[in-house]
Amino acid sequence: MCNGGGGGTQQTATSFSSETGPWSPQVPHILTGFDQARKLYEQGVPDYYPGETLAGFDPAQTFAQEATIDYARGPRAAGMQAGAEGALMRGLTGNTGFNAQQNADLLAGNVRMGAGTPYSAMTDALTQDVTGNLQKNILPGIRQQQVMYQPGGSSRAALQQNQAVADAVQSGLTKPMAQMYSSAYDRAQQMRLPAAQQRIDQQQSAMGMYPSIMAAPLGMYGAIGEVGAQRRAMTQEAINRDMQRYAYESNAPQNALQNYMSMITGNYGGTSSGGSSSTTTNTPSGGGSLGNIIGTLGQAYIMSQSDIRVKENIVPEGTTWKGLSVYNYNYIGDERPRRGVMAQQVETMYPDAVTTIDGVKHVNYGAI
């Protein structure tokens, strides 16, 4: 049967002897394709991309990475972490800012009256005031009265003086001190519950801060790890680039030869053996790149001029193929015998298999 596309085929026909080749308009284009394929092969593969294929870190990124590492590893972060942990531990023990004795007194409601306490200072002040008033005002007045009314004094005068001292101490010292102690005691009792609550609040606050304070170093380590991940990714990209270059250069000769062979592979003719009732038609085993080079030239591999108007000596063979009559003929101006179908008949049954090129109908045998 006529030249068709696809893989190698073998078909049986009636006995005649002929030798077929590519469609004559194809020949110069095929030769040109072979010549260009050879030139491309001899030219060799192009050089690997000469420019830089790996973008480095931007200066701002480098600065940020170095600053992150310096800060995370530096004394500032360590000092702040140590201070935060110290405050945390104090808070967990219920620290309120008071010392141990003060905390104990607050919880017990004690009123400290010894030396060095505010109560002692107030006592000293009241005592000095009472004593000064007795010495300067009260006692001198009593003595003057005694001299005027009872020269030489008497036991009654001593009693009068003692009573005056007692009255002064009672009004100026004892009573105020009692009132001050009563007030201080009441206030101390009122502070007991708030003091206990303050310790509880401190402990609860510290417990709430515990996760964030203890996780702070992990955040710093995470920031350092992110910088490391960025740099590792950059290193890996460099390795990948080198591996791609190595693969390209290692396979370049094989790829060049493969491209060349794909462009020239194919047998573009056929032979027919007389007297044996068999015809062998060889067609390209694959389109390859050459098919792309000349594929637009009338679709030469899979198309055949089958228009009845370009044929002569048309004789029905008496056989059919896919419902189509098969004929022996030759092209007008070409005495070589051929066999095949007529495009006009194919068009009635397989319209998609017929294409008109420059007014001549061609049959795409692969579409039947």
Protein backbone atom coordinates (compact mmCIF):
# COMPACT_ATOMS: atom_id res chain seq x y z
CA MET A 1 0.00 0.00 0.00
CA CYS A 2 1.01 3.66 -0.31
CA ASN A 3 3.50 5.33 2.03
CA GLY A 4 1.91 6.02 5.40
CA GLY A 5 3.00 7.29 8.80
CA GLY A 6 3.68 5.57 12.08
CA GLY A 7 5.86 2.58 12.83
CA GLY A 8 7.29 0.07 10.39
CA THR A 9 4.57 -1.87 8.59
CA GLN A 10 4.43 -4.87 6.28
CA GLN A 11 1.52 -5.30 3.88
CA THR A 12 0.65 -7.84 1.15
CA ALA A 13 -0.41 -6.85 -2.39
CA THR A 14 -0.63 -8.46 -5.84
CA SER A 15 2.52 -9.39 -7.66
CA PHE A 16 4.45 -6.59 -9.32
CA SER A 17 7.95 -5.22 -8.95
CA SER A 18 8.62 -1.63 -8.04
CA GLU A 19 10.83 0.52 -5.91
CA THR A 20 9.42 3.51 -4.14
CA GLY A 21 11.09 6.46 -2.46
CA PRO A 22 9.98 9.63 -0.73
CA TRP A 23 7.54 11.88 -2.47
CA SER A 24 9.68 13.79 -4.93
CA PRO A 25 8.90 17.26 -3.49
CA GLN A 26 10.09 15.91 -0.13
CA VAL A 27 13.55 14.95 -1.20
CA PRO A 28 15.29 18.34 -1.13
CA HIS A 29 13.75 19.15 2.21
CA ILE A 30 14.79 15.81 3.68
CA LEU A 31 18.33 16.32 2.43
CA THR A 32 18.35 19.81 3.90
CA GLY A 33 17.13 18.40 7.19
CA PHE A 34 19.91 15.78 7.21
CA ASP A 35 22.49 18.43 6.46
CA GLN A 36 21.26 20.72 9.24
CA ALA A 37 21.17 17.81 11.68
CA ARG A 38 24.79 16.98 10.85
CA LYS A 39 25.83 20.60 11.29
CA LEU A 40 24.07 20.83 14.65
CA TYR A 41 25.75 17.63 15.81
CA GLU A 42 29.19 18.80 14.71
CA GLN A 43 28.58 22.15 16.31
CA GLY A 44 28.29 20.42 19.66
CA VAL A 45 26.12 21.26 22.64
CA PRO A 46 26.00 24.87 23.81
CA ASP A 47 27.95 25.93 26.86
CA TYR A 48 26.26 25.80 30.22
CA TYR A 49 24.59 29.06 31.23
CA PRO A 50 27.58 31.33 31.90
CA GLY A 51 25.90 33.73 34.33
CA GLU A 52 25.45 33.43 38.08
CA THR A 53 22.72 30.93 38.90
CA LEU A 54 22.59 31.42 42.65
CA ALA A 55 21.32 34.63 44.23
CA GLY A 56 23.13 35.37 47.48
CA PHE A 57 21.65 36.95 50.57
CA ASP A 58 20.72 40.60 50.37
CA PRO A 59 22.90 42.83 52.61
CA ALA A 60 19.86 43.62 54.73
CA GLN A 61 19.28 39.89 55.24
CA THR A 62 22.91 39.34 56.20
CA PHE A 63 22.76 42.23 58.67
CA ALA A 64 19.56 40.90 60.20
CA GLN A 65 21.00 37.40 60.52
CA GLU A 66 24.19 38.58 62.20
CA ALA A 67 22.32 40.98 64.51
CA THR A 68 19.93 38.19 65.53
CA ILE A 69 22.77 35.84 66.41
CA ASP A 70 24.75 38.55 68.24
CA TYR A 71 21.74 39.57 70.30
CA ALA A 72 20.66 36.03 71.11
CA ARG A 73 24.17 35.07 72.21
CA GLY A 74 25.09 38.39 73.82
CA PRO A 75 25.06 39.58 77.46
CA ARG A 76 21.86 41.60 77.14
CA ALA A 77 19.62 38.65 76.48
CA ALA A 78 21.45 36.56 79.10
CA GLY A 79 21.14 39.32 81.72
CA MET A 80 17.47 39.87 81.07
CA GLN A 81 16.78 36.15 81.20
CA ALA A 82 18.65 35.82 84.51
CA GLY A 83 16.75 38.79 85.98
CA ALA A 84 13.42 37.41 84.80
CA GLU A 85 14.18 34.01 86.27
CA GLY A 86 15.22 35.60 89.59
CA ALA A 87 11.99 37.57 89.75
CA LEU A 88 10.10 34.43 88.89
CA MET A 89 11.66 32.47 91.74
CA ARG A 90 10.95 35.27 94.22
CA GLY A 91 7.39 35.43 93.03
CA LEU A 92 6.94 31.68 93.42
CA THR A 93 7.92 32.01 97.09
CA GLY A 94 5.33 34.75 97.59
CA ASN A 95 7.79 37.63 97.85
CA THR A 96 6.02 40.92 98.59
CA GLY A 97 8.92 43.28 99.11
CA PHE A 98 8.90 42.86 102.92
CA ASN A 99 11.61 41.02 104.80
CA ALA A 100 10.89 37.81 106.66
CA GLN A 101 10.26 39.52 110.05
CA GLN A 102 7.96 42.10 108.49
CA ASN A 103 6.00 39.39 106.70
CA ALA A 104 5.68 37.43 109.94
CA ASP A 105 4.46 40.51 111.84
CA LEU A 106 1.94 41.36 109.12
CA LEU A 107 0.52 37.87 109.09
CA ALA A 108 0.39 37.70 112.89
CA GLY A 109 -0.94 41.24 113.36
CA ASN A 110 1.96 42.15 115.68
CA VAL A 111 2.67 45.74 116.77
CA ARG A 112 6.37 46.15 117.32
CA MET A 113 7.16 48.60 120.12
CA GLY A 114 10.86 48.10 120.73
CA ALA A 115 13.79 50.31 119.95
CA GLY A 116 14.06 51.32 116.34
CA THR A 117 10.33 51.08 115.70
CA PRO A 118 8.05 54.03 114.91
CA TYR A 119 6.20 53.31 118.16
CA SER A 120 9.41 53.73 120.18
CA ALA A 121 10.17 57.00 118.43
CA MET A 122 6.68 58.31 119.22
CA THR A 123 7.10 57.25 122.87
CA ASP A 124 10.40 59.10 123.13
CA ALA A 125 8.87 62.21 121.65
CA LEU A 126 5.90 62.16 124.04
CA THR A 127 8.17 61.49 127.05
CA GLN A 128 10.43 64.39 126.18
CA ASP A 129 7.40 66.64 125.74
CA VAL A 130 5.89 65.67 129.09
CA THR A 131 9.23 65.92 130.91
CA GLY A 132 9.98 69.30 129.44
CA ASN A 133 6.56 70.62 130.35
CA LEU A 134 6.96 69.43 133.98
CA GLN A 135 10.42 70.91 134.37
CA LYS A 136 9.69 74.21 132.70
CA ASN A 137 6.12 74.92 133.65
CA ILE A 138 4.35 72.67 136.14
CA LEU A 139 6.95 71.98 138.83
CA PRO A 140 8.38 75.53 138.98
CA GLY A 141 4.85 76.86 139.46
CA ILE A 142 4.13 74.44 142.32
CA ARG A 143 7.36 75.40 144.13
CA GLN A 144 6.59 79.09 143.84
CA GLN A 145 3.21 78.57 145.40
CA GLN A 146 4.76 76.54 148.21
CA VAL A 147 7.28 79.28 148.99
CA MET A 148 4.60 81.95 149.05
CA TYR A 149 2.07 80.14 151.19
CA GLN A 150 4.13 77.64 153.11
CA PRO A 151 7.71 78.76 153.63
CA GLY A 152 10.07 75.82 154.14
CA GLY A 153 7.68 73.39 152.44
CA SER A 154 5.66 70.51 153.88
CA SER A 155 4.65 66.96 153.18
CA ARG A 156 1.41 68.24 151.68
CA ALA A 157 3.44 70.20 149.14
CA ALA A 158 5.30 67.01 148.17
CA LEU A 159 2.02 65.22 147.67
CA GLN A 160 0.76 68.08 145.55
CA GLN A 161 3.90 67.90 143.42
CA ASN A 162 3.59 64.16 142.96
CA GLN A 163 -0.03 64.50 141.92
CA ALA A 164 0.90 67.13 139.39
CA VAL A 165 3.54 64.86 137.89
CA ALA A 166 1.10 61.96 137.75
CA ASP A 167 -1.55 64.10 136.07
CA ALA A 168 0.96 65.35 133.51
CA VAL A 169 2.18 61.84 132.68
CA GLN A 170 -1.36 60.54 132.45
CA SER A 171 -2.58 63.26 130.13
CA GLY A 172 0.57 63.80 128.10
CA LEU A 173 2.08 60.32 127.87
CA THR A 174 0.05 57.36 129.08
CA LYS A 175 -3.22 58.21 127.42
CA PRO A 176 -1.74 59.17 124.04
CA MET A 177 0.45 56.06 124.03
CA ALA A 178 -2.54 53.86 124.82
CA GLN A 179 -4.49 55.44 122.01
CA MET A 180 -1.55 55.06 119.64
CA TYR A 181 -1.12 51.39 120.52
CA SER A 182 -4.85 50.72 120.14
CA SER A 183 -4.87 52.35 116.73
CA ALA A 184 -1.71 50.50 115.65
CA TYR A 185 -3.12 47.19 116.86
CA ASP A 186 -6.39 47.67 114.99
CA ARG A 187 -4.49 48.59 111.84
CA ALA A 188 -2.22 45.56 112.22
CA GLN A 189 -5.20 43.24 112.46
CA GLN A 190 -6.74 44.79 109.37
CA MET A 191 -3.48 44.18 107.41
CA ARG A 192 -3.29 40.47 108.14
CA LEU A 193 -5.70 39.28 105.41
CA PRO A 194 -4.39 41.67 102.71
CA ALA A 195 -0.83 40.58 103.52
CA ALA A 196 -1.74 36.93 103.11
CA GLN A 197 -3.65 37.67 99.88
CA GLN A 198 -0.69 39.64 98.57
CA ARG A 199 1.57 36.61 98.93
CA ILE A 200 -0.97 34.41 97.19
CA ASP A 201 -1.33 36.93 94.35
CA GLN A 202 2.43 37.05 93.91
CA GLN A 203 2.63 33.29 93.66
CA GLN A 204 -0.21 33.10 91.15
CA SER A 205 1.32 35.88 89.06
CA ALA A 206 4.67 34.12 89.05
CA MET A 207 3.05 30.85 88.00
CA GLY A 208 1.37 32.64 85.09
CA MET A 209 4.69 34.15 84.01
CA TYR A 210 6.57 30.86 84.33
CA PRO A 211 5.87 29.45 80.84
CA SER A 212 6.81 32.63 78.96
CA ILE A 213 9.94 33.28 81.01
CA MET A 214 11.19 29.73 80.69
CA ALA A 215 10.34 29.64 76.97
CA ALA A 216 12.21 32.87 76.23
CA PRO A 217 15.56 31.13 75.61
CA LEU A 218 13.84 28.70 73.25
CA GLY A 219 12.63 31.68 71.21
CA MET A 220 16.19 32.94 70.95
CA TYR A 221 17.42 29.52 69.93
CA GLY A 222 14.61 29.37 67.38
CA ALA A 223 15.73 32.68 65.87
CA ILE A 224 19.28 31.33 65.56
CA GLY A 225 17.89 28.14 64.05
CA GLU A 226 15.97 30.13 61.43
CA VAL A 227 19.16 31.88 60.40
CA GLY A 228 20.86 28.50 60.17
CA ALA A 229 18.01 27.13 58.07
CA GLN A 230 18.30 30.03 55.64
CA ARG A 231 22.02 29.50 55.28
CA ARG A 232 21.62 25.76 54.93
CA ALA A 233 19.04 26.32 52.17
CA MET A 234 21.48 28.61 50.40
CA THR A 235 24.23 26.00 50.69
CA GLN A 236 21.89 23.32 49.35
CA GLU A 237 20.97 25.50 46.39
CA ALA A 238 24.65 25.86 45.59
CA ILE A 239 25.06 22.08 45.77
CA ASN A 240 22.02 21.58 43.53
CA ARG A 241 23.43 24.03 41.03
CA ASP A 242 26.75 22.20 40.93
CA MET A 243 24.96 18.86 40.54
CA GLN A 244 22.92 20.23 37.62
CA ARG A 245 26.05 21.52 35.93
CA TYR A 246 27.76 18.16 36.48
CA ALA A 247 24.79 16.25 35.02
CA TYR A 248 24.60 18.60 32.05
CA GLU A 249 28.28 18.32 31.21
CA SER A 250 28.35 14.55 31.79
CA ASN A 251 25.37 13.87 29.51
CA ALA A 252 26.09 16.48 26.87
CA PRO A 253 27.78 14.11 24.36
CA GLN A 254 25.04 11.49 24.71
CA ASN A 255 22.31 14.11 24.36
CA ALA A 256 23.94 15.55 21.26
CA LEU A 257 24.18 12.13 19.63
CA GLN A 258 20.61 11.28 20.61
CA ASN A 259 19.34 14.51 19.07
CA TYR A 260 21.26 13.83 15.89
CA MET A 261 19.99 10.26 15.60
CA SER A 262 16.39 11.34 16.23
CA MET A 263 16.68 13.84 13.37
CA ILE A 264 17.99 11.33 10.80
CA THR A 265 16.22 8.13 11.86
CA GLY A 266 13.72 6.78 9.33
CA ASN A 267 13.48 4.96 6.01
CA TYR A 268 11.69 7.16 3.54
CA GLY A 269 11.05 4.66 0.72
CA GLY A 270 10.20 1.04 0.11
CA THR A 271 10.71 -1.97 -2.15
CA SER A 272 8.34 -4.44 -3.75
CA SER A 273 9.35 -8.00 -4.64
CA GLY A 274 8.01 -9.39 -7.93
CA GLY A 275 6.68 -12.90 -8.23
CA SER A 276 6.31 -13.51 -4.54
CA SER A 277 2.93 -11.91 -4.00
CA SER A 278 4.35 -9.78 -1.18
CA THR A 279 5.18 -6.11 -0.90
CA THR A 280 7.24 -4.62 1.94
CA THR A 281 6.75 -0.95 2.63
CA ASN A 282 9.14 0.64 5.11
CA THR A 283 8.12 3.83 6.86
CA PRO A 284 9.80 5.88 9.57
CA SER A 285 9.68 4.28 13.00
CA GLY A 286 9.19 7.61 14.72
CA GLY A 287 8.49 11.24 13.88
CA GLY A 288 11.53 12.58 15.75
CA SER A 289 12.80 16.08 15.31
CA LEU A 290 13.00 15.65 11.56
CA GLY A 291 9.25 15.25 11.47
CA ASN A 292 9.04 18.69 13.05
CA ILE A 293 11.44 20.08 10.44
CA ILE A 294 9.51 18.92 7.39
CA GLY A 295 6.16 18.00 8.90
CA THR A 296 4.53 21.11 7.51
CA LEU A 297 5.53 20.25 3.93
CA GLY A 298 2.27 18.54 2.93
CA GLN A 299 2.49 16.17 5.93
CA ALA A 300 4.66 14.04 3.67
CA TYR A 301 5.07 11.05 5.96
CA ILE A 302 1.43 10.33 6.57
CA MET A 303 -0.15 12.02 3.52
CA SER A 304 -0.27 10.76 -0.04
CA GLN A 305 -1.42 12.38 -3.23
CA SER A 306 -4.49 10.28 -3.91
CA ASP A 307 -6.47 12.68 -6.07
CA ILE A 308 -7.82 10.83 -9.11
CA ARG A 309 -7.00 13.90 -11.21
CA VAL A 310 -3.22 13.42 -10.84
CA LYS A 311 -3.30 9.70 -11.75
CA GLU A 312 -3.51 7.74 -14.97
CA ASN A 313 -3.72 4.09 -16.09
CA ILE A 314 -6.11 3.52 -13.21
CA VAL A 315 -7.13 -0.18 -12.98
CA PRO A 316 -9.26 -1.63 -10.15
CA GLU A 317 -7.30 -4.30 -8.33
CA GLY A 318 -10.41 -6.14 -7.21
CA THR A 319 -9.54 -5.86 -3.54
CA THR A 320 -10.84 -3.60 -0.80
CA TRP A 321 -9.28 -2.04 2.23
CA LYS A 322 -11.49 -0.79 5.03
CA GLY A 323 -14.39 -0.65 2.61
CA LEU A 324 -12.42 1.25 -0.04
CA SER A 325 -11.54 -0.06 -3.52
CA VAL A 326 -7.84 -0.50 -4.22
CA TYR A 327 -6.42 0.49 -7.62
CA ASN A 328 -3.19 0.10 -9.60
CA TYR A 329 -2.05 3.31 -11.27
CA ASN A 330 0.79 5.68 -11.87
CA TYR A 331 1.05 9.42 -11.41
CA ILE A 332 0.82 11.58 -14.50
CA GLY A 333 4.43 12.15 -15.63
CA ASP A 334 5.74 9.29 -13.47
CA GLU A 335 5.61 5.79 -15.02
CA ARG A 336 6.38 3.93 -11.80
CA PRO A 337 3.44 1.65 -10.94
CA ARG A 338 1.68 2.32 -7.66
CA ARG A 339 -1.35 1.03 -5.82
CA GLY A 340 -3.76 2.69 -3.46
CA VAL A 341 -7.13 4.36 -3.03
CA MET A 342 -8.78 7.36 -4.60
CA ALA A 343 -9.17 10.49 -2.49
CA GLN A 344 -12.61 11.23 -3.87
CA GLN A 345 -13.95 7.89 -2.62
CA VAL A 346 -12.16 8.22 0.73
CA GLU A 347 -13.72 11.64 1.18
CA THR A 348 -17.22 10.15 1.01
CA MET A 349 -16.49 7.65 3.79
CA TYR A 350 -13.70 9.27 5.83
CA PRO A 351 -13.92 13.03 5.22
CA ASP A 352 -11.51 13.81 8.05
CA ALA A 353 -8.79 11.74 6.32
CA VAL A 354 -8.73 13.95 3.20
CA THR A 355 -6.89 17.27 2.99
CA THR A 356 -6.64 19.58 -0.01
CA ILE A 357 -3.19 21.12 -0.61
CA ASP A 358 -2.75 23.50 -3.52
CA GLY A 359 -5.99 22.17 -5.07
CA VAL A 360 -4.88 18.52 -4.90
CA LYS A 361 -6.56 16.06 -2.54
CA HIS A 362 -4.28 14.09 -0.20
CA VAL A 363 -5.22 11.09 1.94
CA ASN A 364 -4.01 10.70 5.50
CA TYR A 365 -3.85 6.88 5.72
CA GLY A 366 -3.30 7.10 9.46
CA ALA A 367 -6.74 8.67 9.89
CA ILE A 368 -8.60 5.88 8.12
